[in-house]
C-alpha atoms as a PDB file:
ATOM      1  CA  UNK A   1      -0.121  -0.171   0.195  1.00  0.00           C
ATOM      2  CA  UNK A   2       1.198   3.359  -1.052  1.00  0.00           C
ATOM      3  CA  UNK A   3       2.090   5.479   2.568  1.00  0.00           C
ATOM      4  CA  UNK A   4       0.772   8.980   1.717  1.00  0.00           C
ATOM      5  CA  UNK A   5       2.346  11.907   4.044  1.00  0.00           C
ATOM      6  CA  UNK A   6      -1.572  14.060   4.428  1.00  0.00           C
ATOM      7  CA  UNK A   7       0.829  17.218   4.756  1.00  0.00           C
ATOM      8  CA  UNK A   8       1.676  17.143   1.178  1.00  0.00           C
ATOM      9  CA  UNK A   9      -1.872  16.674  -0.223  1.00  0.00           C
ATOM     10  CA  UNK A  10      -2.969  19.820   1.898  1.00  0.00           C
ATOM     11  CA  UNK A  11      -2.432  23.004   1.036  1.00  0.00           C
ATOM     12  CA  UNK A  12      -2.175  26.130   3.261  1.00  0.00           C
ATOM     13  CA  UNK A  13      -4.935  28.866   1.900  1.00  0.00           C
ATOM     14  CA  UNK A  14      -3.416  31.292   4.312  1.00  0.00           C
ATOM     15  CA  UNK A  15      -0.015  30.808   2.559  1.00  0.00           C
ATOM     16  CA  UNK A  16      -0.200  30.760  -0.345  1.00  0.00           C
ATOM     17  CA  UNK A  17       2.986  32.482  -1.047  1.00  0.00           C
ATOM     18  CA  UNK A  18       4.731  29.473   0.505  1.00  0.00           C
ATOM     19  CA  UNK A  19       2.789  26.966  -1.186  1.00  0.00           C
ATOM     20  CA  UNK A  20       3.411  27.667  -4.481  1.00  0.00           C
ATOM     21  CA  UNK A  21       7.646  28.035  -3.760  1.00  0.00           C
ATOM     22  CA  UNK A  22       7.420  24.770  -2.249  1.00  0.00           C
ATOM     23  CA  UNK A  23       5.663  23.476  -5.487  1.00  0.00           C
ATOM     24  CA  UNK A  24       8.413  22.178  -7.015  1.00  0.00           C
ATOM     25  CA  UNK A  25      10.290  20.328  -4.400  1.00  0.00           C
ATOM     26  CA  UNK A  26       6.686  18.770  -3.734  1.00  0.00           C
ATOM     27  CA  UNK A  27       5.973  17.568  -7.371  1.00  0.00           C
ATOM     28  CA  UNK A  28       9.883  16.085  -6.975  1.00  0.00           C
ATOM     29  CA  UNK A  29       9.084  14.177  -4.185  1.00  0.00           C
ATOM     30  CA  UNK A  30       5.834  12.543  -5.778  1.00  0.00           C
ATOM     31  CA  UNK A  31       7.894  11.896  -9.028  1.00  0.00           C
ATOM     32  CA  UNK A  32      10.392  10.082  -6.943  1.00  0.00           C
ATOM     33  CA  UNK A  33       7.661   8.017  -5.641  1.00  0.00           C
ATOM     34  CA  UNK A  34       6.027   7.061  -9.387  1.00  0.00           C
ATOM     35  CA  UNK A  35       9.499   6.120 -10.372  1.00  0.00           C
ATOM     36  CA  UNK A  36       9.794   3.640  -7.133  1.00  0.00           C
ATOM     37  CA  UNK A  37       6.739   2.338  -7.767  1.00  0.00           C
ATOM     38  CA  UNK A  38       6.810   1.808 -12.144  1.00  0.00           C
ATOM     39  CA  UNK A  39      10.535   0.275 -10.690  1.00  0.00           C
ATOM     40  CA  UNK A  40       8.551  -2.291  -8.292  1.00  0.00           C
ATOM     41  CA  UNK A  41       6.316  -2.771 -11.319  1.00  0.00           C
ATOM     42  CA  UNK A  42       8.855  -3.906 -13.723  1.00  0.00           C
ATOM     43  CA  UNK A  43      10.264  -5.706 -10.720  1.00  0.00           C
ATOM     44  CA  UNK A  44       7.084  -7.656 -10.102  1.00  0.00           C
ATOM     45  CA  UNK A  45       6.270  -8.312 -14.060  1.00  0.00           C
ATOM     46  CA  UNK A  46      10.093  -9.873 -14.283  1.00  0.00           C
ATOM     47  CA  UNK A  47       9.594 -12.316 -10.910  1.00  0.00           C
ATOM     48  CA  UNK A  48       6.204 -13.541 -12.854  1.00  0.00           C
ATOM     49  CA  UNK A  49       7.941 -14.481 -15.572  1.00  0.00           C
ATOM     50  CA  UNK A  50      10.868 -16.304 -14.051  1.00  0.00           C
ATOM     51  CA  UNK A  51       8.262 -18.094 -11.499  1.00  0.00           C
ATOM     52  CA  UNK A  52       6.247 -18.851 -14.887  1.00  0.00           C
ATOM     53  CA  UNK A  53       9.511 -20.404 -17.137  1.00  0.00           C
ATOM     54  CA  UNK A  54      10.075 -22.374 -13.883  1.00  0.00           C
ATOM     55  CA  UNK A  55       6.691 -23.480 -13.152  1.00  0.00           C
ATOM     56  CA  UNK A  56       5.967 -24.374 -17.025  1.00  0.00           C
ATOM     57  CA  UNK A  57       9.456 -26.725 -16.524  1.00  0.00           C
ATOM     58  CA  UNK A  58       8.482 -28.594 -13.497  1.00  0.00           C
ATOM     59  CA  UNK A  59       5.261 -29.637 -14.863  1.00  0.00           C
ATOM     60  CA  UNK A  60       6.757 -30.567 -18.150  1.00  0.00           C
ATOM     61  CA  UNK A  61       9.509 -32.987 -16.676  1.00  0.00           C
ATOM     62  CA  UNK A  62       6.930 -34.668 -14.018  1.00  0.00           C
ATOM     63  CA  UNK A  63       3.596 -33.292 -14.851  1.00  0.00           C
ATOM     64  CA  UNK A  64       1.588 -35.783 -12.322  1.00  0.00           C
ATOM     65  CA  UNK A  65       3.456 -34.067  -9.832  1.00  0.00           C
ATOM     66  CA  UNK A  66       1.104 -30.819 -10.353  1.00  0.00           C
ATOM     67  CA  UNK A  67      -2.288 -33.486 -11.105  1.00  0.00           C
ATOM     68  CA  UNK A  68      -2.017 -32.877 -14.957  1.00  0.00           C
ATOM     69  CA  UNK A  69      -2.418 -36.204 -16.365  1.00  0.00           C
ATOM     70  CA  UNK A  70      -2.329 -35.316 -19.886  1.00  0.00           C
ATOM     71  CA  UNK A  71       0.240 -32.520 -20.739  1.00  0.00           C
ATOM     72  CA  UNK A  72      -1.153 -30.903 -23.098  1.00  0.00           C
ATOM     73  CA  UNK A  73      -0.357 -26.474 -23.646  1.00  0.00           C
ATOM     74  CA  UNK A  74      -3.650 -25.625 -22.036  1.00  0.00           C
ATOM     75  CA  UNK A  75      -3.008 -28.375 -19.232  1.00  0.00           C
ATOM     76  CA  UNK A  76       0.421 -27.150 -18.437  1.00  0.00           C
ATOM     77  CA  UNK A  77      -0.991 -23.567 -18.600  1.00  0.00           C
ATOM     78  CA  UNK A  78      -3.708 -24.119 -15.617  1.00  0.00           C
ATOM     79  CA  UNK A  79      -1.163 -25.913 -13.530  1.00  0.00           C
ATOM     80  CA  UNK A  80       0.775 -22.848 -14.029  1.00  0.00           C
ATOM     81  CA  UNK A  81      -1.897 -20.382 -13.012  1.00  0.00           C
ATOM     82  CA  UNK A  82      -3.558 -22.776 -10.059  1.00  0.00           C
ATOM     83  CA  UNK A  83       0.432 -22.653  -8.444  1.00  0.00           C
ATOM     84  CA  UNK A  84       0.001 -21.185  -5.077  1.00  0.00           C
ATOM     85  CA  UNK A  85       3.522 -19.425  -5.398  1.00  0.00           C
ATOM     86  CA  UNK A  86       2.685 -18.322  -9.335  1.00  0.00           C
ATOM     87  CA  UNK A  87      -1.185 -16.875  -7.247  1.00  0.00           C
ATOM     88  CA  UNK A  88       1.512 -15.559  -4.461  1.00  0.00           C
ATOM     89  CA  UNK A  89       3.679 -13.035  -7.540  1.00  0.00           C
ATOM     90  CA  UNK A  90       0.592 -12.307  -9.749  1.00  0.00           C
ATOM     91  CA  UNK A  91      -1.181 -10.807  -6.274  1.00  0.00           C
ATOM     92  CA  UNK A  92       2.175  -8.223  -5.989  1.00  0.00           C
ATOM     93  CA  UNK A  93       2.012  -6.902  -8.930  1.00  0.00           C
ATOM     94  CA  UNK A  94      -1.840  -6.468  -9.044  1.00  0.00           C
ATOM     95  CA  UNK A  95      -0.593  -4.089  -6.148  1.00  0.00           C
ATOM     96  CA  UNK A  96       2.332  -3.100  -7.830  1.00  0.00           C
ATOM     97  CA  UNK A  97      -0.387  -1.876 -10.273  1.00  0.00           C
ATOM     98  CA  UNK A  98      -2.465  -0.741  -7.693  1.00  0.00           C
ATOM     99  CA  UNK A  99      -0.129   1.303  -5.894  1.00  0.00           C
ATOM    100  CA  UNK A 100       1.592   3.279  -9.396  1.00  0.00           C
ATOM    101  CA  UNK A 101      -1.803   3.935 -10.846  1.00  0.00           C
ATOM    102  CA  UNK A 102      -2.987   6.051  -6.986  1.00  0.00           C
ATOM    103  CA  UNK A 103       0.936   7.731  -7.687  1.00  0.00           C
ATOM    104  CA  UNK A 104      -0.084   7.844 -11.240  1.00  0.00           C
ATOM    105  CA  UNK A 105      -3.232   9.965 -10.489  1.00  0.00           C
ATOM    106  CA  UNK A 106      -1.534  11.825  -7.755  1.00  0.00           C
ATOM    107  CA  UNK A 107       1.168  13.444 -10.002  1.00  0.00           C
ATOM    108  CA  UNK A 108      -1.165  14.151 -12.665  1.00  0.00           C
ATOM    109  CA  UNK A 109      -3.609  16.087 -10.602  1.00  0.00           C
END
């Protein structure tokens, strides 16, 4: 989950000159957070692909260990998608993409 400093989301209407002078620094902070979130998405995608590749080889080598009686492409794909480790990495990717969207909308607003 994205941690958001509430002070960065509010504007002191009684001190607009100071708020305007801090805007470049605030945008830089949010830009850094967005870049980190984008890096996390890419890392999560890489981990998911690596997990898929590893499972693909394992299922093809020992299909019965994964409940696959006839190793067709469809059966192998299904065995990979229901694997707990694969699902965990999929959830990490989904959370990373969610965080990225939040930070993107914050930077663009």
